[in-house]
C-alpha atoms as a PDB file:
ATOM      1  CA  GLY A   1      -0.070   0.335  -0.383  1.00  0.00           C
ATOM      2  CA  MET A   2       0.858   3.828   0.145  1.00  0.00           C
ATOM      3  CA  HIS A   3       2.502   3.876   3.325  1.00  0.00           C
ATOM      4  CA  GLU A   4       4.454   0.851   3.004  1.00  0.00           C
ATOM      5  CA  HIS A   5       8.648   0.732   2.576  1.00  0.00           C
ATOM      6  CA  TYR A   6      10.317  -1.337   0.435  1.00  0.00           C
ATOM      7  CA  CYS A   7      12.910  -2.494   3.300  1.00  0.00           C
ATOM      8  CA  ARG A   8      13.867  -5.762   1.530  1.00  0.00           C
ATOM      9  CA  ARG A   9      16.137  -4.168  -0.586  1.00  0.00           C
ATOM     10  CA  TRP A  10      17.987  -2.328   1.668  1.00  0.00           C
ATOM     11  CA  ASN A  11      20.735  -4.203   2.890  1.00  0.00           C
ATOM     12  CA  ALA A  12      21.157  -5.191  -0.853  1.00  0.00           C
ATOM     13  CA  VAL A  13      21.483  -1.226  -1.443  1.00  0.00           C
ATOM     14  CA  HIS A  14      23.790  -0.726   1.562  1.00  0.00           C
ATOM     15  CA  LEU A  15      26.176  -3.372   0.762  1.00  0.00           C
ATOM     16  CA  LEU A  16      26.328  -2.471  -2.817  1.00  0.00           C
ATOM     17  CA  ALA A  17      27.047   1.525  -2.222  1.00  0.00           C
ATOM     18  CA  THR A  18      30.034   0.209   0.507  1.00  0.00           C
ATOM     19  CA  LEU A  19      31.423  -2.399  -2.497  1.00  0.00           C
ATOM     20  CA  ALA A  20      31.269   1.035  -5.028  1.00  0.00           C
ATOM     21  CA  ARG A  21      32.767   3.333  -2.345  1.00  0.00           C
ATOM     22  CA  GLY A  22      36.090   0.594  -2.946  1.00  0.00           C
ATOM     23  CA  ASN A  23      35.458  -0.897   0.291  1.00  0.00           C
ATOM     24  CA  GLY A  24      35.875  -4.503  -1.013  1.00  0.00           C
ATOM     25  CA  ALA A  25      37.173  -4.221  -4.410  1.00  0.00           C
ATOM     26  CA  ASP A  26      39.197  -7.632  -4.598  1.00  0.00           C
ATOM     27  CA  PRO A  27      36.689 -10.319  -5.986  1.00  0.00           C
ATOM     28  CA  ALA A  28      38.519 -12.851  -3.382  1.00  0.00           C
ATOM     29  CA  ALA A  29      37.923 -11.371  -0.736  1.00  0.00           C
ATOM     30  CA  ALA A  30      34.846 -12.510   1.386  1.00  0.00           C
ATOM     31  CA  PRO A  31      31.528 -11.252   0.299  1.00  0.00           C
ATOM     32  CA  HIS A  32      30.103  -8.463   2.467  1.00  0.00           C
ATOM     33  CA  VAL A  33      27.170 -10.040   4.783  1.00  0.00           C
ATOM     34  CA  ALA A  34      23.928  -8.383   6.182  1.00  0.00           C
ATOM     35  CA  VAL A  35      20.847  -9.942   7.747  1.00  0.00           C
ATOM     36  CA  GLN A  36      17.310  -8.271   8.189  1.00  0.00           C
ATOM     37  CA  ARG A  37      13.886  -9.115   9.079  1.00  0.00           C
ATOM     38  CA  ALA A  38      10.709  -8.245   7.033  1.00  0.00           C
ATOM     39  CA  ARG A  39       6.972  -8.564   7.357  1.00  0.00           C
ATOM     40  CA  PHE A  40       4.652  -8.139   4.452  1.00  0.00           C
ATOM     41  CA  ILE A  41       1.893  -5.729   5.361  1.00  0.00           C
ATOM     42  CA  THR A  42      -0.911  -7.958   3.221  1.00  0.00           C
ATOM     43  CA  SER A  43      -0.383 -11.548   4.276  1.00  0.00           C
ATOM     44  CA  GLY A  44       1.184 -10.588   7.841  1.00  0.00           C
ATOM     45  CA  GLU A  45       4.447 -13.091   7.136  1.00  0.00           C
ATOM     46  CA  SER A  46       7.613 -12.374   8.034  1.00  0.00           C
ATOM     47  CA  TYR A  47      10.523 -13.833   6.695  1.00  0.00           C
ATOM     48  CA  PHE A  48      14.380 -13.696   7.592  1.00  0.00           C
ATOM     49  CA  LEU A  49      16.563 -12.185   4.811  1.00  0.00           C
ATOM     50  CA  LEU A  50      20.173 -13.011   4.415  1.00  0.00           C
ATOM     51  CA  THR A  51      22.371 -11.272   1.521  1.00  0.00           C
ATOM     52  CA  LEU A  52      25.255 -11.486   0.358  1.00  0.00           C
ATOM     53  CA  ALA A  53      27.689  -8.875  -2.191  1.00  0.00           C
ATOM     54  CA  ARG A  54      30.736  -8.733  -3.753  1.00  0.00           C
ATOM     55  CA  PRO A  55      32.817  -8.049  -6.921  1.00  0.00           C
ATOM     56  CA  LEU A  56      31.849  -9.972  -9.652  1.00  0.00           C
ATOM     57  CA  ALA A  57      35.392 -11.912 -10.865  1.00  0.00           C
ATOM     58  CA  LEU A  58      34.886 -12.349 -14.565  1.00  0.00           C
ATOM     59  CA  THR A  59      33.520  -8.470 -14.788  1.00  0.00           C
ATOM     60  CA  PRO A  60      35.814  -5.762 -13.053  1.00  0.00           C
ATOM     61  CA  GLY A  61      34.209  -2.809 -11.778  1.00  0.00           C
ATOM     62  CA  THR A  62      30.728  -4.797 -11.539  1.00  0.00           C
ATOM     63  CA  ASN A  63      29.615  -5.832  -8.018  1.00  0.00           C
ATOM     64  CA  THR A  64      26.446  -8.253  -7.532  1.00  0.00           C
ATOM     65  CA  SER A  65      24.284  -8.841  -4.261  1.00  0.00           C
ATOM     66  CA  VAL A  66      22.056 -11.899  -3.892  1.00  0.00           C
ATOM     67  CA  THR A  67      19.119 -11.931  -0.671  1.00  0.00           C
ATOM     68  CA  LEU A  68      17.733 -15.588   0.254  1.00  0.00           C
ATOM     69  CA  GLY A  69      14.382 -15.053   2.169  1.00  0.00           C
ATOM     70  CA  PHE A  70      13.343 -17.373   5.016  1.00  0.00           C
ATOM     71  CA  LYS A  71       9.751 -17.859   5.614  1.00  0.00           C
ATOM     72  CA  ILE A  72       9.581 -17.087   9.952  1.00  0.00           C
ATOM     73  CA  ASP A  73       7.687 -20.391  10.933  1.00  0.00           C
ATOM     74  CA  ASN A  74       7.922 -22.279  13.938  1.00  0.00           C
ATOM     75  CA  ARG A  75      10.464 -24.961  12.131  1.00  0.00           C
ATOM     76  CA  PHE A  76      12.534 -22.102  11.241  1.00  0.00           C
ATOM     77  CA  LYS A  77      12.180 -20.552  14.878  1.00  0.00           C
ATOM     78  CA  SER A  78      13.575 -24.260  15.851  1.00  0.00           C
ATOM     79  CA  VAL A  79      16.466 -23.990  14.240  1.00  0.00           C
ATOM     80  CA  VAL A  80      17.435 -20.611  13.461  1.00  0.00           C
ATOM     81  CA  LYS A  81      17.769 -20.044  17.528  1.00  0.00           C
ATOM     82  CA  PHE A  82      19.124 -16.570  16.634  1.00  0.00           C
ATOM     83  CA  TRP A  83      15.754 -15.411  14.451  1.00  0.00           C
ATOM     84  CA  ASP A  84      14.855 -12.903  16.979  1.00  0.00           C
ATOM     85  CA  ASP A  85      18.022 -11.506  18.203  1.00  0.00           C
ATOM     86  CA  GLU A  86      17.648  -7.843  18.690  1.00  0.00           C
ATOM     87  CA  GLN A  87      20.757  -6.796  16.863  1.00  0.00           C
ATOM     88  CA  ILE A  88      18.886  -7.769  13.763  1.00  0.00           C
ATOM     89  CA  PRO A  89      16.696  -4.892  12.284  1.00  0.00           C
END
């Protein structure tokens, strides 16, 4: 709706901006990683989002990111004990 924020992309945008500033230009370096929780207004479902970003090894000057979303249900909560850590936005 009108008052929703498209927050699922925040981590990807932030990590790609960090890479663009040159803070991780080495393709062999470990990827930048961030996590967050997101709740969909229409369904009420919550997801745990894990984002990784890194420079592309075969295309210098190009960065990429991927976000994996895991539905936060009882099974997820039983496996991922830190799902509700207050440090995770």
